[in-house]
Amino acid sequence: MDFSLLTPYKQVKYQYWLNVIHECRSSGLTNQKWCEQNGISLKSYYYWISKFRKLAVVDLPRKEYVSSGSSVSSQKQSDLTEARFVELPVPAKREHVDSHKPEAVLKTGNISVELYETATESFLQMLVKVKRPYL
């Protein structure tokens, strides 16, 4: 699938879920525990894994479970294929921010966009351009 054909909104959404999946897989926790700790719906998590596998976007690592109940990723994080969609500037490092709780949520019709504290000015400008036809 050619991601350059996707809207910037979808590109950002796909990148977000790829990051969520990679974080969970590399955490060493079970999917359920990681999702609970990070405020992610387990149903949504599995939906996106299924979606990416069907699209063959990336070869997502599978978890291997040892007898003690902890999990180990079958691939190192560095071995994963990284998807790149939109170039955005990296915000300055800040103290720990709970990246899974939005600062604001914009809703228009059936479109909902969550804004986080780390959103840059250039990202917000791009978002306004993308949302303009829907306003």
Protein backbone atom coordinates (compact mmCIF):
# COMPACT_ATOMS: atom_id res chain seq x y z
CA MET A 1 0.00 0.00 0.00
CA ASP A 2 1.32 3.44 -0.94
CA PHE A 3 1.00 5.60 2.17
CA SER A 4 1.63 8.78 0.24
CA LEU A 5 -1.90 8.36 -1.12
CA LEU A 6 -3.37 8.54 2.38
CA THR A 7 -4.55 11.81 3.85
CA PRO A 8 -2.18 13.39 6.38
CA TYR A 9 -4.75 12.59 9.10
CA LYS A 10 -4.66 8.87 8.24
CA GLN A 11 -0.87 8.92 7.99
CA VAL A 12 -0.65 10.33 11.53
CA LYS A 13 -3.22 7.82 12.80
CA TYR A 14 -1.39 4.85 11.24
CA GLN A 15 1.94 6.05 12.67
CA TYR A 16 0.37 6.45 16.13
CA TRP A 17 -0.92 2.86 16.14
CA LEU A 18 2.37 1.49 14.80
CA ASN A 19 4.11 3.21 17.71
CA VAL A 20 1.54 1.84 20.21
CA ILE A 21 2.02 -1.71 18.91
CA HIS A 22 5.82 -1.44 18.94
CA GLU A 23 5.82 -0.02 22.49
CA CYS A 24 3.58 -2.82 23.73
CA ARG A 25 5.60 -5.53 21.99
CA SER A 26 8.88 -4.26 23.41
CA SER A 27 7.53 -3.71 26.95
CA GLY A 28 7.79 -7.31 28.12
CA LEU A 29 4.23 -7.14 29.49
CA THR A 30 1.21 -9.04 28.24
CA ASN A 31 -0.92 -7.13 25.76
CA GLN A 32 -3.74 -6.84 28.29
CA LYS A 33 -1.52 -5.50 31.10
CA TRP A 34 0.25 -3.02 28.84
CA CYS A 35 -3.02 -1.73 27.37
CA GLU A 36 -4.54 -1.34 30.85
CA GLN A 37 -1.49 0.57 32.11
CA ASN A 38 -1.49 2.87 29.08
CA GLY A 39 -5.23 3.52 28.74
CA ILE A 40 -5.52 1.71 25.40
CA SER A 41 -8.60 -0.34 24.51
CA LEU A 42 -7.54 -3.96 24.05
CA LYS A 43 -10.19 -4.31 21.33
CA SER A 44 -8.72 -1.34 19.42
CA TYR A 45 -5.20 -2.70 19.90
CA TYR A 46 -6.12 -6.05 18.33
CA TYR A 47 -8.10 -4.31 15.57
CA TRP A 48 -5.02 -2.35 14.50
CA ILE A 49 -2.74 -5.40 14.64
CA SER A 50 -5.19 -7.19 12.35
CA LYS A 51 -5.43 -4.16 10.05
CA PHE A 52 -1.65 -3.85 9.69
CA ARG A 53 -1.20 -7.55 9.06
CA LYS A 54 -3.88 -7.49 6.35
CA LEU A 55 -2.21 -4.50 4.71
CA ALA A 56 1.21 -6.13 5.15
CA VAL A 57 2.50 -2.75 6.29
CA VAL A 58 5.09 -4.16 8.63
CA ASP A 59 6.08 -7.54 9.90
CA LEU A 60 4.90 -7.11 13.47
CA PRO A 61 6.86 -9.18 15.98
CA ARG A 62 5.00 -11.92 17.77
CA LYS A 63 5.23 -12.33 21.51
CA GLU A 64 6.65 -15.48 23.01
CA TYR A 65 5.46 -16.39 26.47
CA VAL A 66 7.70 -18.09 28.99
CA SER A 67 6.38 -20.27 31.79
CA SER A 68 6.59 -17.49 34.40
CA GLY A 69 3.93 -15.53 32.52
CA SER A 70 6.18 -12.71 31.33
CA SER A 71 6.56 -12.16 27.61
CA VAL A 72 9.56 -11.56 25.40
CA SER A 73 9.44 -10.01 21.95
CA SER A 74 10.62 -12.41 19.26
CA GLN A 75 12.49 -9.61 17.49
CA LYS A 76 14.56 -6.76 18.77
CA GLN A 77 13.05 -3.30 18.36
CA SER A 78 15.89 -2.39 15.99
CA ASP A 79 14.89 -5.24 13.66
CA LEU A 80 11.40 -3.84 13.09
CA THR A 81 10.50 -2.12 9.87
CA GLU A 82 9.78 1.51 10.59
CA ALA A 83 7.05 3.27 8.61
CA ARG A 84 7.59 6.94 7.82
CA PHE A 85 4.75 9.07 6.57
CA VAL A 86 5.04 12.76 7.38
CA GLU A 87 8.13 14.64 8.46
CA LEU A 88 7.42 16.56 11.66
CA PRO A 89 9.92 18.42 13.83
CA VAL A 90 10.82 16.74 17.10
CA PRO A 91 9.66 18.74 20.13
CA ALA A 92 12.20 19.72 22.79
CA LYS A 93 12.65 17.14 25.54
CA ARG A 94 10.34 17.67 28.46
CA GLU A 95 9.81 16.04 31.78
CA HIS A 96 7.64 12.92 31.74
CA VAL A 97 4.35 13.59 29.98
CA ASP A 98 1.52 11.07 29.98
CA SER A 99 1.42 10.72 26.20
CA HIS A 100 -1.82 8.75 26.21
CA LYS A 101 -4.03 11.51 27.65
CA PRO A 102 -4.87 14.30 25.20
CA GLU A 103 -4.79 17.96 26.18
CA ALA A 104 -7.70 18.68 23.82
CA VAL A 105 -10.05 16.82 21.49
CA LEU A 106 -11.40 18.39 18.30
CA LYS A 107 -14.65 16.91 16.97
CA THR A 108 -16.32 17.62 13.65
CA GLY A 109 -19.10 15.29 12.54
CA ASN A 110 -17.72 11.77 12.83
CA ILE A 111 -14.09 12.96 12.91
CA SER A 112 -12.32 13.21 16.25
CA VAL A 113 -8.71 14.41 16.64
CA GLU A 114 -6.85 14.17 19.94
CA LEU A 115 -4.21 16.84 20.58
CA TYR A 116 -1.34 16.11 22.92
CA GLU A 117 0.95 18.51 24.76
CA THR A 118 3.81 17.55 22.47
CA ALA A 119 2.00 18.71 19.30
CA THR A 120 4.18 21.16 17.38
CA GLU A 121 3.08 24.35 15.68
CA SER A 122 3.79 22.89 12.23
CA PHE A 123 1.66 19.84 13.05
CA LEU A 124 -1.23 22.06 14.15
CA GLN A 125 -0.94 24.11 10.94
CA MET A 126 -1.05 20.91 8.87
CA LEU A 127 -4.05 19.72 10.88
CA VAL A 128 -5.95 22.95 10.20
CA LYS A 129 -5.29 22.57 6.45
CA VAL A 130 -6.50 18.96 6.51
CA LYS A 131 -9.63 19.69 8.58
CA ARG A 132 -10.62 22.83 6.65
CA PRO A 133 -12.77 20.93 4.07
CA TYR A 134 -14.68 19.26 6.92
CA LEU A 135 -15.53 22.43 8.85
